[in-house]
All heavy atoms as atom14 arrays in JSON, in Angstrom:
{
  "sequence": "TAVYYCAKKQYSMCGPWDVDFDTWGQGTQVTVS",
  "atom14_mask": [
    [1, 1, 1, 1, 1, 1, 1, 0, 0, 0, 0, 0, 0, 0],
    [1, 1, 1, 1, 1, 0, 0, 0, 0, 0, 0, 0, 0, 0],
    [1, 1, 1, 1, 1, 1, 1, 0, 0, 0, 0, 0, 0, 0],
    [1, 1, 1, 1, 1, 1, 1, 1, 1, 1, 1, 1, 0, 0],
    [1, 1, 1, 1, 1, 1, 1, 1, 1, 1, 1, 1, 0, 0],
    [1, 1, 1, 1, 1, 1, 0, 0, 0, 0, 0, 0, 0, 0],
    [1, 1, 1, 1, 1, 0, 0, 0, 0, 0, 0, 0, 0, 0],
    [1, 1, 1, 1, 1, 1, 1, 1, 1, 0, 0, 0, 0, 0],
    [1, 1, 1, 1, 1, 1, 1, 1, 1, 0, 0, 0, 0, 0],
    [1, 1, 1, 1, 1, 1, 1, 1, 1, 0, 0, 0, 0, 0],
    [1, 1, 1, 1, 1, 1, 1, 1, 1, 1, 1, 1, 0, 0],
    [1, 1, 1, 1, 1, 1, 0, 0, 0, 0, 0, 0, 0, 0],
    [1, 1, 1, 1, 1, 1, 1, 1, 0, 0, 0, 0, 0, 0],
    [1, 1, 1, 1, 1, 1, 0, 0, 0, 0, 0, 0, 0, 0],
    [1, 1, 1, 1, 0, 0, 0, 0, 0, 0, 0, 0, 0, 0],
    [1, 1, 1, 1, 1, 1, 1, 0, 0, 0, 0, 0, 0, 0],
    [1, 1, 1, 1, 1, 1, 1, 1, 1, 1, 1, 1, 1, 1],
    [1, 1, 1, 1, 1, 1, 1, 1, 0, 0, 0, 0, 0, 0],
    [1, 1, 1, 1, 1, 1, 1, 0, 0, 0, 0, 0, 0, 0],
    [1, 1, 1, 1, 1, 1, 1, 1, 0, 0, 0, 0, 0, 0],
    [1, 1, 1, 1, 1, 1, 1, 1, 1, 1, 1, 0, 0, 0],
    [1, 1, 1, 1, 1, 1, 1, 1, 0, 0, 0, 0, 0, 0],
    [1, 1, 1, 1, 1, 1, 1, 0, 0, 0, 0, 0, 0, 0],
    [1, 1, 1, 1, 1, 1, 1, 1, 1, 1, 1, 1, 1, 1],
    [1, 1, 1, 1, 0, 0, 0, 0, 0, 0, 0, 0, 0, 0],
    [1, 1, 1, 1, 1, 1, 1, 1, 1, 0, 0, 0, 0, 0],
    [1, 1, 1, 1, 0, 0, 0, 0, 0, 0, 0, 0, 0, 0],
    [1, 1, 1, 1, 1, 1, 1, 0, 0, 0, 0, 0, 0, 0],
    [1, 1, 1, 1, 1, 1, 1, 1, 1, 0, 0, 0, 0, 0],
    [1, 1, 1, 1, 1, 1, 1, 0, 0, 0, 0, 0, 0, 0],
    [1, 1, 1, 1, 1, 1, 1, 0, 0, 0, 0, 0, 0, 0],
    [1, 1, 1, 1, 1, 1, 1, 0, 0, 0, 0, 0, 0, 0],
    [1, 1, 1, 1, 1, 1, 0, 0, 0, 0, 0, 0, 0, 0]
  ],
  "atom14_positions": [
    [[0.79, -1.22, -0.02], [0.01, 0.0, -0.01], [0.88, 1.27, 0.02], [1.75, 1.44, 0.88], [-0.93, 0.02, 1.21], [-1.85, -1.09, 1.15], [-1.74, 1.31, 1.28], [0.0, 0.0, 0.0], [0.0, 0.0, 0.0], [0.0, 0.0, 0.0], [0.0, 0.0, 0.0], [0.0, 0.0, 0.0], [0.0, 0.0, 0.0], [0.0, 0.0, 0.0]],
    [[0.69, 2.04, -1.04], [1.49, 3.27, -1.18], [0.98, 4.1, -2.27], [0.15, 3.61, -3.11], [2.95, 2.9, -1.37], [0.0, 0.0, 0.0], [0.0, 0.0, 0.0], [0.0, 0.0, 0.0], [0.0, 0.0, 0.0], [0.0, 0.0, 0.0], [0.0, 0.0, 0.0], [0.0, 0.0, 0.0], [0.0, 0.0, 0.0], [0.0, 0.0, 0.0]],
    [[1.49, 5.33, -2.42], [1.33, 6.06, -3.64], [2.5, 5.69, -4.58], [3.68, 5.77, -4.13], [1.37, 7.6, -3.41], [1.18, 8.27, -4.74], [0.15, 7.9, -2.47], [0.0, 0.0, 0.0], [0.0, 0.0, 0.0], [0.0, 0.0, 0.0], [0.0, 0.0, 0.0], [0.0, 0.0, 0.0], [0.0, 0.0, 0.0], [0.0, 0.0, 0.0]],
    [[2.17, 5.29, -5.72], [3.2, 4.84, -6.75], [3.46, 5.96, -7.75], [2.47, 6.5, -8.31], [2.78, 3.57, -7.46], [2.91, 2.36, -6.52], [2.08, 2.16, -5.48], [3.99, 1.42, -6.76], [2.23, 1.05, -4.66], [4.12, 0.3, -5.95], [3.25, 0.11, -4.87], [3.42, -0.97, -4.06], [0.0, 0.0, 0.0], [0.0, 0.0, 0.0]],
    [[4.71, 6.27, -7.98], [5.07, 7.33, -8.93], [5.96, 6.74, -10.02], [6.74, 5.8, -9.74], [5.93, 8.39, -8.17], [5.25, 9.06, -6.97], [5.31, 8.5, -5.71], [4.52, 10.27, -7.19], [4.69, 9.13, -4.62], [3.93, 10.86, -6.18], [4.08, 10.3, -4.88], [3.4, 10.91, -3.8], [0.0, 0.0, 0.0], [0.0, 0.0, 0.0]],
    [[5.89, 7.3, -11.18], [6.91, 7.04, -12.2], [7.72, 8.23, -12.35], [7.25, 9.4, -12.1], [6.22, 6.61, -13.55], [5.2, 7.74, -14.42], [0.0, 0.0, 0.0], [0.0, 0.0, 0.0], [0.0, 0.0, 0.0], [0.0, 0.0, 0.0], [0.0, 0.0, 0.0], [0.0, 0.0, 0.0], [0.0, 0.0, 0.0], [0.0, 0.0, 0.0]],
    [[8.91, 8.07, -12.77], [9.91, 9.12, -12.94], [10.74, 8.86, -14.11], [11.13, 7.73, -14.42], [10.75, 9.27, -11.7], [0.0, 0.0, 0.0], [0.0, 0.0, 0.0], [0.0, 0.0, 0.0], [0.0, 0.0, 0.0], [0.0, 0.0, 0.0], [0.0, 0.0, 0.0], [0.0, 0.0, 0.0], [0.0, 0.0, 0.0], [0.0, 0.0, 0.0]],
    [[11.14, 9.93, -14.83], [11.99, 9.79, -16.03], [13.41, 10.13, -15.67], [13.73, 11.16, -15.02], [11.5, 10.76, -17.06], [12.29, 10.74, -18.41], [11.74, 11.76, -19.36], [12.24, 13.09, -19.02], [13.77, 13.27, -19.18], [0.0, 0.0, 0.0], [0.0, 0.0, 0.0], [0.0, 0.0, 0.0], [0.0, 0.0, 0.0], [0.0, 0.0, 0.0]],
    [[14.31, 9.27, -16.1], [15.73, 9.52, -16.02], [16.15, 10.57, -17.0], [15.55, 10.76, -18.04], [16.56, 8.28, -16.24], [16.78, 7.46, -14.99], [18.04, 7.91, -14.23], [18.43, 6.93, -13.12], [19.63, 7.32, -12.47], [0.0, 0.0, 0.0], [0.0, 0.0, 0.0], [0.0, 0.0, 0.0], [0.0, 0.0, 0.0], [0.0, 0.0, 0.0]],
    [[17.23, 11.26, -16.79], [17.84, 12.16, -17.77], [18.54, 11.33, -18.88], [18.85, 11.94, -20.0], [18.85, 13.06, -17.14], [18.23, 14.05, -16.15], [19.28, 14.94, -15.52], [20.31, 14.46, -15.11], [18.94, 16.24, -15.44], [0.0, 0.0, 0.0], [0.0, 0.0, 0.0], [0.0, 0.0, 0.0], [0.0, 0.0, 0.0], [0.0, 0.0, 0.0]],
    [[18.72, 10.04, -18.71], [19.55, 9.28, -19.6], [18.78, 7.97, -20.0], [17.77, 7.63, -19.43], [20.92, 8.89, -18.97], [21.59, 10.11, -18.33], [21.64, 10.28, -16.95], [22.06, 11.16, -19.14], [22.2, 11.35, -16.43], [22.63, 12.25, -18.57], [22.71, 12.38, -17.2], [23.29, 13.48, -16.65], [0.0, 0.0, 0.0], [0.0, 0.0, 0.0]],
    [[19.41, 7.23, -20.85], [18.72, 6.04, -21.4], [18.85, 4.79, -20.5], [18.04, 3.91, -20.63], [19.32, 5.7, -22.74], [20.68, 5.41, -22.69], [0.0, 0.0, 0.0], [0.0, 0.0, 0.0], [0.0, 0.0, 0.0], [0.0, 0.0, 0.0], [0.0, 0.0, 0.0], [0.0, 0.0, 0.0], [0.0, 0.0, 0.0], [0.0, 0.0, 0.0]],
    [[19.84, 4.76, -19.62], [20.12, 3.65, -18.72], [19.69, 4.03, -17.3], [19.66, 5.14, -16.95], [21.53, 3.26, -18.8], [22.07, 2.85, -20.17], [21.06, 1.47, -20.89], [21.56, 0.11, -19.76], [0.0, 0.0, 0.0], [0.0, 0.0, 0.0], [0.0, 0.0, 0.0], [0.0, 0.0, 0.0], [0.0, 0.0, 0.0], [0.0, 0.0, 0.0]],
    [[19.34, 3.02, -16.5], [18.79, 3.26, -15.22], [19.8, 3.83, -14.28], [19.49, 4.8, -13.55], [18.25, 1.93, -14.63], [16.7, 1.4, -15.41], [0.0, 0.0, 0.0], [0.0, 0.0, 0.0], [0.0, 0.0, 0.0], [0.0, 0.0, 0.0], [0.0, 0.0, 0.0], [0.0, 0.0, 0.0], [0.0, 0.0, 0.0], [0.0, 0.0, 0.0]],
    [[20.97, 3.25, -14.16], [22.02, 3.77, -13.27], [21.55, 3.7, -11.8], [20.74, 2.9, -11.42], [0.0, 0.0, 0.0], [0.0, 0.0, 0.0], [0.0, 0.0, 0.0], [0.0, 0.0, 0.0], [0.0, 0.0, 0.0], [0.0, 0.0, 0.0], [0.0, 0.0, 0.0], [0.0, 0.0, 0.0], [0.0, 0.0, 0.0], [0.0, 0.0, 0.0]],
    [[22.13, 4.59, -11.0], [21.79, 4.53, -9.56], [20.37, 4.94, -9.26], [19.8, 5.76, -10.03], [22.78, 5.48, -8.91], [23.77, 5.8, -9.98], [23.13, 5.6, -11.25], [0.0, 0.0, 0.0], [0.0, 0.0, 0.0], [0.0, 0.0, 0.0], [0.0, 0.0, 0.0], [0.0, 0.0, 0.0], [0.0, 0.0, 0.0], [0.0, 0.0, 0.0]],
    [[19.83, 4.49, -8.11], [18.51, 4.98, -7.69], [18.64, 6.43, -7.17], [19.66, 6.84, -6.62], [18.01, 4.12, -6.55], [17.76, 2.72, -6.91], [18.35, 1.58, -6.43], [16.73, 2.2, -7.79], [17.92, 0.44, -7.05], [16.9, 0.8, -7.88], [15.75, 2.79, -8.64], [16.05, -0.03, -8.62], [14.88, 2.02, -9.42], [15.07, 0.61, -9.37]],
    [[17.57, 7.15, -7.34], [17.38, 8.45, -6.65], [18.35, 9.56, -7.2], [18.58, 10.52, -6.47], [17.44, 8.36, -5.15], [16.2, 7.69, -4.55], [15.14, 7.88, -5.01], [16.44, 6.86, -3.55], [0.0, 0.0, 0.0], [0.0, 0.0, 0.0], [0.0, 0.0, 0.0], [0.0, 0.0, 0.0], [0.0, 0.0, 0.0], [0.0, 0.0, 0.0]],
    [[18.8, 9.4, -8.32], [19.64, 10.45, -8.92], [19.28, 10.6, -10.39], [18.87, 9.56, -11.04], [21.21, 10.2, -8.86], [21.6, 10.24, -7.4], [21.54, 8.94, -9.47], [0.0, 0.0, 0.0], [0.0, 0.0, 0.0], [0.0, 0.0, 0.0], [0.0, 0.0, 0.0], [0.0, 0.0, 0.0], [0.0, 0.0, 0.0], [0.0, 0.0, 0.0]],
    [[19.36, 11.76, -10.91], [19.14, 12.06, -12.37], [17.75, 11.71, -12.87], [17.53, 11.45, -14.08], [20.17, 11.28, -13.18], [21.58, 11.7, -12.84], [21.88, 12.9, -12.68], [22.47, 10.86, -12.87], [0.0, 0.0, 0.0], [0.0, 0.0, 0.0], [0.0, 0.0, 0.0], [0.0, 0.0, 0.0], [0.0, 0.0, 0.0], [0.0, 0.0, 0.0]],
    [[16.74, 11.82, -11.97], [15.33, 11.8, -12.36], [14.88, 13.21, -12.46], [14.86, 13.91, -11.39], [14.51, 10.95, -11.4], [14.76, 9.5, -11.48], [15.6, 8.94, -10.54], [14.18, 8.72, -12.44], [15.89, 7.58, -10.61], [14.43, 7.36, -12.47], [15.34, 6.76, -11.59], [0.0, 0.0, 0.0], [0.0, 0.0, 0.0], [0.0, 0.0, 0.0]],
    [[14.51, 13.67, -13.61], [14.15, 15.07, -13.8], [12.68, 15.37, -13.89], [12.24, 16.54, -13.87], [14.93, 15.63, -14.96], [14.62, 14.94, -16.3], [13.74, 14.06, -16.36], [15.3, 15.22, -17.33], [0.0, 0.0, 0.0], [0.0, 0.0, 0.0], [0.0, 0.0, 0.0], [0.0, 0.0, 0.0], [0.0, 0.0, 0.0], [0.0, 0.0, 0.0]],
    [[11.85, 14.36, -14.04], [10.44, 14.56, -14.08], [9.74, 13.51, -13.36], [10.03, 12.27, -13.51], [9.96, 14.56, -15.59], [10.75, 15.42, -16.39], [8.52, 15.01, -15.69], [0.0, 0.0, 0.0], [0.0, 0.0, 0.0], [0.0, 0.0, 0.0], [0.0, 0.0, 0.0], [0.0, 0.0, 0.0], [0.0, 0.0, 0.0], [0.0, 0.0, 0.0]],
    [[8.71, 13.77, -12.6], [7.94, 12.92, -11.8], [6.46, 13.06, -12.03], [6.03, 14.2, -12.29], [8.23, 13.14, -10.33], [9.58, 12.83, -9.86], [10.72, 13.56, -10.06], [9.99, 11.66, -9.08], [11.78, 12.98, -9.51], [11.43, 11.73, -8.87], [9.32, 10.56, -8.55], [12.1, 10.8, -8.25], [10.03, 9.64, -7.84], [11.41, 9.78, -7.68]],
    [[5.73, 12.02, -11.95], [4.3, 12.07, -12.06], [3.62, 12.52, -10.73], [4.39, 12.68, -9.7], [0.0, 0.0, 0.0], [0.0, 0.0, 0.0], [0.0, 0.0, 0.0], [0.0, 0.0, 0.0], [0.0, 0.0, 0.0], [0.0, 0.0, 0.0], [0.0, 0.0, 0.0], [0.0, 0.0, 0.0], [0.0, 0.0, 0.0], [0.0, 0.0, 0.0]],
    [[2.34, 12.57, -10.76], [1.58, 12.99, -9.54], [1.31, 11.87, -8.61], [0.98, 12.06, -7.47], [0.28, 13.67, -9.96], [-0.83, 12.72, -10.22], [-0.7, 11.87, -11.54], [0.1, 12.21, -12.4], [-1.45, 10.78, -11.6], [0.0, 0.0, 0.0], [0.0, 0.0, 0.0], [0.0, 0.0, 0.0], [0.0, 0.0, 0.0], [0.0, 0.0, 0.0]],
    [[1.53, 10.63, -9.0], [1.3, 9.46, -8.23], [-0.15, 8.9, -8.43], [-1.04, 9.56, -8.71], [0.0, 0.0, 0.0], [0.0, 0.0, 0.0], [0.0, 0.0, 0.0], [0.0, 0.0, 0.0], [0.0, 0.0, 0.0], [0.0, 0.0, 0.0], [0.0, 0.0, 0.0], [0.0, 0.0, 0.0], [0.0, 0.0, 0.0], [0.0, 0.0, 0.0]],
    [[-0.18, 7.58, -8.16], [-1.45, 6.89, -8.18], [-1.57, 5.99, -6.94], [-0.56, 5.29, -6.64], [-1.66, 6.1, -9.46], [-2.96, 5.5, -9.49], [-0.6, 4.99, -9.64], [0.0, 0.0, 0.0], [0.0, 0.0, 0.0], [0.0, 0.0, 0.0], [0.0, 0.0, 0.0], [0.0, 0.0, 0.0], [0.0, 0.0, 0.0], [0.0, 0.0, 0.0]],
    [[-2.69, 6.01, -6.26], [-2.8, 5.32, -4.98], [-3.12, 3.88, -5.17], [-4.04, 3.45, -5.85], [-3.92, 5.95, -4.11], [-4.17, 5.28, -2.87], [-3.13, 5.49, -1.81], [-2.68, 6.58, -1.58], [-2.62, 4.35, -1.17], [0.0, 0.0, 0.0], [0.0, 0.0, 0.0], [0.0, 0.0, 0.0], [0.0, 0.0, 0.0], [0.0, 0.0, 0.0]],
    [[-2.31, 3.02, -4.52], [-2.54, 1.56, -4.44], [-2.8, 1.17, -3.06], [-1.99, 1.45, -2.12], [-1.37, 0.81, -4.99], [-1.61, -0.73, -4.76], [-1.13, 1.06, -6.47], [0.0, 0.0, 0.0], [0.0, 0.0, 0.0], [0.0, 0.0, 0.0], [0.0, 0.0, 0.0], [0.0, 0.0, 0.0], [0.0, 0.0, 0.0], [0.0, 0.0, 0.0]],
    [[-3.96, 0.64, -2.77], [-4.36, 0.16, -1.43], [-4.6, -1.27, -1.45], [-5.5, -1.75, -2.25], [-5.53, 0.94, -0.91], [-5.29, 2.34, -0.9], [-5.88, 0.53, 0.5], [0.0, 0.0, 0.0], [0.0, 0.0, 0.0], [0.0, 0.0, 0.0], [0.0, 0.0, 0.0], [0.0, 0.0, 0.0], [0.0, 0.0, 0.0], [0.0, 0.0, 0.0]],
    [[-3.99, -2.05, -0.66], [-4.11, -3.53, -0.55], [-4.67, -3.8, 0.81], [-4.01, -3.69, 1.86], [-2.8, -4.24, -0.78], [-3.08, -5.82, -0.77], [-2.17, -3.82, -2.04], [0.0, 0.0, 0.0], [0.0, 0.0, 0.0], [0.0, 0.0, 0.0], [0.0, 0.0, 0.0], [0.0, 0.0, 0.0], [0.0, 0.0, 0.0], [0.0, 0.0, 0.0]],
    [[-5.93, -4.2, 0.81], [-6.67, -4.46, 2.08], [-7.79, -5.43, 1.86], [-8.4, -5.44, 0.8], [-7.16, -3.11, 2.6], [-7.95, -3.29, 3.72], [0.0, 0.0, 0.0], [0.0, 0.0, 0.0], [0.0, 0.0, 0.0], [0.0, 0.0, 0.0], [0.0, 0.0, 0.0], [0.0, 0.0, 0.0], [0.0, 0.0, 0.0], [0.0, 0.0, 0.0]]
  ]
}
């Protein structure tokens, strides 16, 4: 259960987490209950 976001890297490869993401969505709520 969380808000799930997608984010775009500045580059073509994934690389490290939490760096070089320049655009984020607003999120979509997933609730498991």
